[in-house]
Amino acid sequence: MLSAVITLVVAVFGVTGTLLAPMLAQRAQARASQHDFERQQSAARTQWDREQRQESLAQRRACYVATNAAYRRYRVAIMNFLWCSHQGTVTEQERDALEQARHAHHAAFAEAQMIASRPVLDQLDVVTQALSEAYRKTLCLHEGNPDPDGSFDEIRDYLKWLWERWEEMRGVMRVDLGVEDSAEC
């Protein structure tokens, strides 16, 4: 009787194992497939994040190059106009060059406002305000209505000071782009 019970138990376990084996194998395969899918998703997400960071860096770099050039061009145009005004030789060409540089500066600043990091934007705001002030003082001097601190020499000194601010702005841009030697600029 004992051997019959043991045989019956072994038979039940054998049949149960035979019936459950495909389900357990399918379940293990599903878990493995799910794990592979999650690993692939993670790799794809990591790749997408890397591409987004690279694209963002490329956009910021292009924006900073354009902004840097536009700010520099505007400052030089103000200096040229100031010099021509001081010499009494302002022509329509100098006026146009100053206005073109001013508009290019505004366009570059507008783009930077959408792309630049907060530290860079803070520096751009300071330099933009200083350029606007230099432009205003230069036009007032040219029109014969100078500010109390708006002589040729004072505006020239202000533009030299502005160069130092521009170097600070450039340094912040370089740090934002991850350029390591930004302190040596």
Protein backbone atom coordinates (compact mmCIF):
# COMPACT_ATOMS: atom_id res chain seq x y z
CA MET A 1 0.00 0.00 0.00
CA LEU A 2 2.83 2.34 0.84
CA SER A 3 4.48 1.67 -2.47
CA ALA A 4 1.18 2.41 -4.25
CA VAL A 5 0.87 5.76 -2.44
CA ILE A 6 4.47 6.62 -3.26
CA THR A 7 3.91 5.65 -6.87
CA LEU A 8 0.75 7.76 -6.97
CA VAL A 9 2.51 10.76 -5.42
CA VAL A 10 5.44 10.43 -7.84
CA ALA A 11 2.99 10.15 -10.73
CA VAL A 12 1.06 13.24 -9.57
CA PHE A 13 4.31 15.21 -9.23
CA GLY A 14 5.51 13.95 -12.58
CA VAL A 15 2.29 14.90 -14.35
CA THR A 16 2.13 18.23 -12.53
CA GLY A 17 5.76 18.95 -13.42
CA THR A 18 5.15 18.01 -17.02
CA LEU A 19 2.09 20.26 -17.17
CA LEU A 20 3.76 23.18 -15.34
CA ALA A 21 7.13 23.06 -17.15
CA PRO A 22 5.96 24.89 -20.29
CA MET A 23 4.20 27.56 -18.20
CA LEU A 24 7.26 28.06 -15.96
CA ALA A 25 9.56 28.15 -18.98
CA GLN A 26 7.29 30.70 -20.66
CA ARG A 27 7.22 32.79 -17.52
CA ALA A 28 11.03 32.71 -17.22
CA GLN A 29 11.35 33.62 -20.88
CA ALA A 30 8.89 36.51 -20.41
CA ARG A 31 10.93 37.79 -17.44
CA ALA A 32 14.13 37.54 -19.47
CA SER A 33 12.49 39.31 -22.40
CA GLN A 34 11.19 42.04 -20.08
CA HIS A 35 14.66 42.46 -18.60
CA ASP A 36 16.17 42.72 -22.12
CA PHE A 37 13.51 45.23 -23.14
CA GLU A 38 14.17 47.36 -20.05
CA ARG A 39 17.91 47.22 -20.67
CA GLN A 40 17.40 48.27 -24.31
CA GLN A 41 15.07 51.08 -23.21
CA SER A 42 17.62 52.26 -20.69
CA ALA A 43 20.38 52.21 -23.31
CA ALA A 44 18.15 54.09 -25.77
CA ARG A 45 17.23 56.66 -23.12
CA THR A 46 20.90 57.12 -22.21
CA GLN A 47 21.80 57.56 -25.88
CA TRP A 48 18.96 60.06 -26.37
CA ASP A 49 20.05 62.02 -23.29
CA ARG A 50 23.64 62.10 -24.58
CA GLU A 51 22.49 63.33 -27.99
CA GLN A 52 20.31 66.00 -26.38
CA ARG A 53 23.23 67.24 -24.26
CA GLN A 54 25.48 67.34 -27.32
CA GLU A 55 22.84 69.18 -29.34
CA SER A 56 22.27 71.66 -26.53
CA LEU A 57 25.99 72.26 -26.22
CA ALA A 58 26.29 72.78 -29.99
CA GLN A 59 23.36 75.23 -29.94
CA ARG A 60 24.81 77.18 -27.01
CA ARG A 61 28.23 77.23 -28.63
CA ALA A 62 26.85 78.58 -31.93
CA CYS A 63 24.75 81.10 -30.05
CA TYR A 64 27.68 82.25 -27.91
CA VAL A 65 29.92 82.62 -30.96
CA ALA A 66 27.28 84.72 -32.76
CA THR A 67 26.54 86.76 -29.64
CA ASN A 68 30.20 87.33 -28.90
CA ALA A 69 30.81 88.52 -32.47
CA ALA A 70 27.74 90.76 -32.48
CA TYR A 71 28.62 92.37 -29.15
CA ARG A 72 32.20 92.95 -30.27
CA ARG A 73 31.07 94.39 -33.61
CA TYR A 74 28.62 96.73 -31.86
CA ARG A 75 31.29 97.98 -29.45
CA VAL A 76 33.71 98.58 -32.34
CA ALA A 77 30.99 100.39 -34.31
CA ILE A 78 30.31 102.66 -31.33
CA MET A 79 34.04 103.34 -31.01
CA ASN A 80 34.34 104.14 -34.72
CA PHE A 81 31.32 106.42 -34.62
CA LEU A 82 32.66 108.14 -31.50
CA TRP A 83 36.01 108.72 -33.20
CA CYS A 84 34.41 110.01 -36.42
CA SER A 85 32.14 112.26 -34.37
CA HIS A 86 35.15 113.57 -32.45
CA GLN A 87 36.90 114.28 -35.77
CA GLY A 88 33.74 115.80 -37.27
CA THR A 89 33.76 113.29 -40.14
CA VAL A 90 30.60 111.27 -39.54
CA THR A 91 29.15 110.11 -42.84
CA GLU A 92 26.04 108.19 -43.71
CA GLN A 93 28.23 105.09 -43.99
CA GLU A 94 29.30 105.38 -40.32
CA ARG A 95 25.69 105.91 -39.26
CA ASP A 96 24.59 102.84 -41.24
CA ALA A 97 27.44 100.73 -39.87
CA LEU A 98 26.47 101.71 -36.32
CA GLU A 99 22.80 100.91 -36.89
CA GLN A 100 23.58 97.59 -38.59
CA ALA A 101 25.82 96.59 -35.69
CA ARG A 102 23.15 97.67 -33.23
CA HIS A 103 20.48 95.59 -34.96
CA ALA A 104 22.79 92.56 -35.21
CA HIS A 105 23.48 92.95 -31.49
CA HIS A 106 19.74 93.03 -30.72
CA ALA A 107 19.15 89.90 -32.82
CA ALA A 108 22.03 88.04 -31.16
CA PHE A 109 20.81 89.07 -27.71
CA ALA A 110 17.27 87.91 -28.52
CA GLU A 111 18.58 84.49 -29.56
CA ALA A 112 20.79 84.26 -26.48
CA GLN A 113 17.81 85.01 -24.26
CA MET A 114 16.25 81.77 -25.50
CA ILE A 115 19.37 79.58 -25.29
CA ALA A 116 21.90 80.95 -22.80
CA SER A 117 22.30 79.63 -19.30
CA ARG A 118 21.36 81.91 -16.40
CA PRO A 119 24.98 82.89 -15.53
CA VAL A 120 25.69 83.79 -19.17
CA LEU A 121 22.42 85.66 -19.50
CA ASP A 122 23.23 87.67 -16.37
CA GLN A 123 26.53 88.74 -17.95
CA LEU A 124 24.84 89.49 -21.28
CA ASP A 125 22.32 91.74 -19.52
CA VAL A 126 25.10 93.77 -17.90
CA VAL A 127 27.06 94.15 -21.14
CA THR A 128 23.91 94.94 -23.13
CA GLN A 129 22.94 97.71 -20.73
CA ALA A 130 26.48 99.09 -20.87
CA LEU A 131 26.49 99.02 -24.68
CA SER A 132 23.12 100.80 -24.74
CA GLU A 133 24.49 103.44 -22.40
CA ALA A 134 27.61 103.88 -24.55
CA TYR A 135 25.44 104.20 -27.65
CA ARG A 136 23.20 106.79 -25.98
CA LYS A 137 26.13 108.82 -24.66
CA THR A 138 27.86 108.73 -28.04
CA LEU A 139 24.76 109.96 -29.87
CA CYS A 140 24.18 112.68 -27.29
CA LEU A 141 27.78 113.86 -27.72
CA HIS A 142 27.44 113.73 -31.50
CA GLU A 143 24.22 115.76 -31.41
CA GLY A 144 25.89 118.42 -29.27
CA ASN A 145 23.96 117.61 -26.11
CA PRO A 146 26.49 115.55 -24.07
CA ASP A 147 25.81 114.14 -20.63
CA PRO A 148 27.79 115.67 -17.76
CA ASP A 149 30.02 112.59 -17.92
CA GLY A 150 29.75 112.29 -21.70
CA SER A 151 32.92 113.82 -23.08
CA PHE A 152 34.91 112.03 -25.75
CA ASP A 153 37.54 110.88 -23.24
CA GLU A 154 34.92 109.71 -20.71
CA ILE A 155 33.01 107.71 -23.32
CA ARG A 156 36.28 106.25 -24.62
CA ASP A 157 37.22 105.22 -21.06
CA TYR A 158 33.73 103.76 -20.60
CA LEU A 159 34.23 101.68 -23.75
CA LYS A 160 37.58 100.47 -22.38
CA TRP A 161 35.83 99.48 -19.15
CA LEU A 162 33.23 97.74 -21.27
CA TRP A 163 36.01 95.65 -22.82
CA GLU A 164 36.82 94.29 -19.35
CA ARG A 165 33.15 93.42 -18.83
CA TRP A 166 33.15 91.71 -22.23
CA GLU A 167 36.14 89.58 -21.13
CA GLU A 168 34.18 88.55 -18.02
CA MET A 169 31.18 87.69 -20.18
CA ARG A 170 33.37 85.62 -22.49
CA GLY A 171 34.85 83.78 -19.50
CA VAL A 172 31.39 82.86 -18.21
CA MET A 173 30.45 81.62 -21.69
CA ARG A 174 33.56 79.45 -21.82
CA VAL A 175 32.82 77.97 -18.39
CA ASP A 176 29.26 77.22 -19.49
CA LEU A 177 30.62 75.40 -22.54
CA GLY A 178 33.05 73.42 -20.40
CA VAL A 179 36.22 75.01 -21.76
CA GLU A 180 38.80 74.19 -19.11
CA ASP A 181 41.27 77.02 -19.57
CA SER A 182 38.69 79.78 -19.18
CA ALA A 183 40.67 81.42 -16.36
CA GLU A 184 43.59 82.03 -18.73
CA CYS A 185 41.56 83.96 -21.32
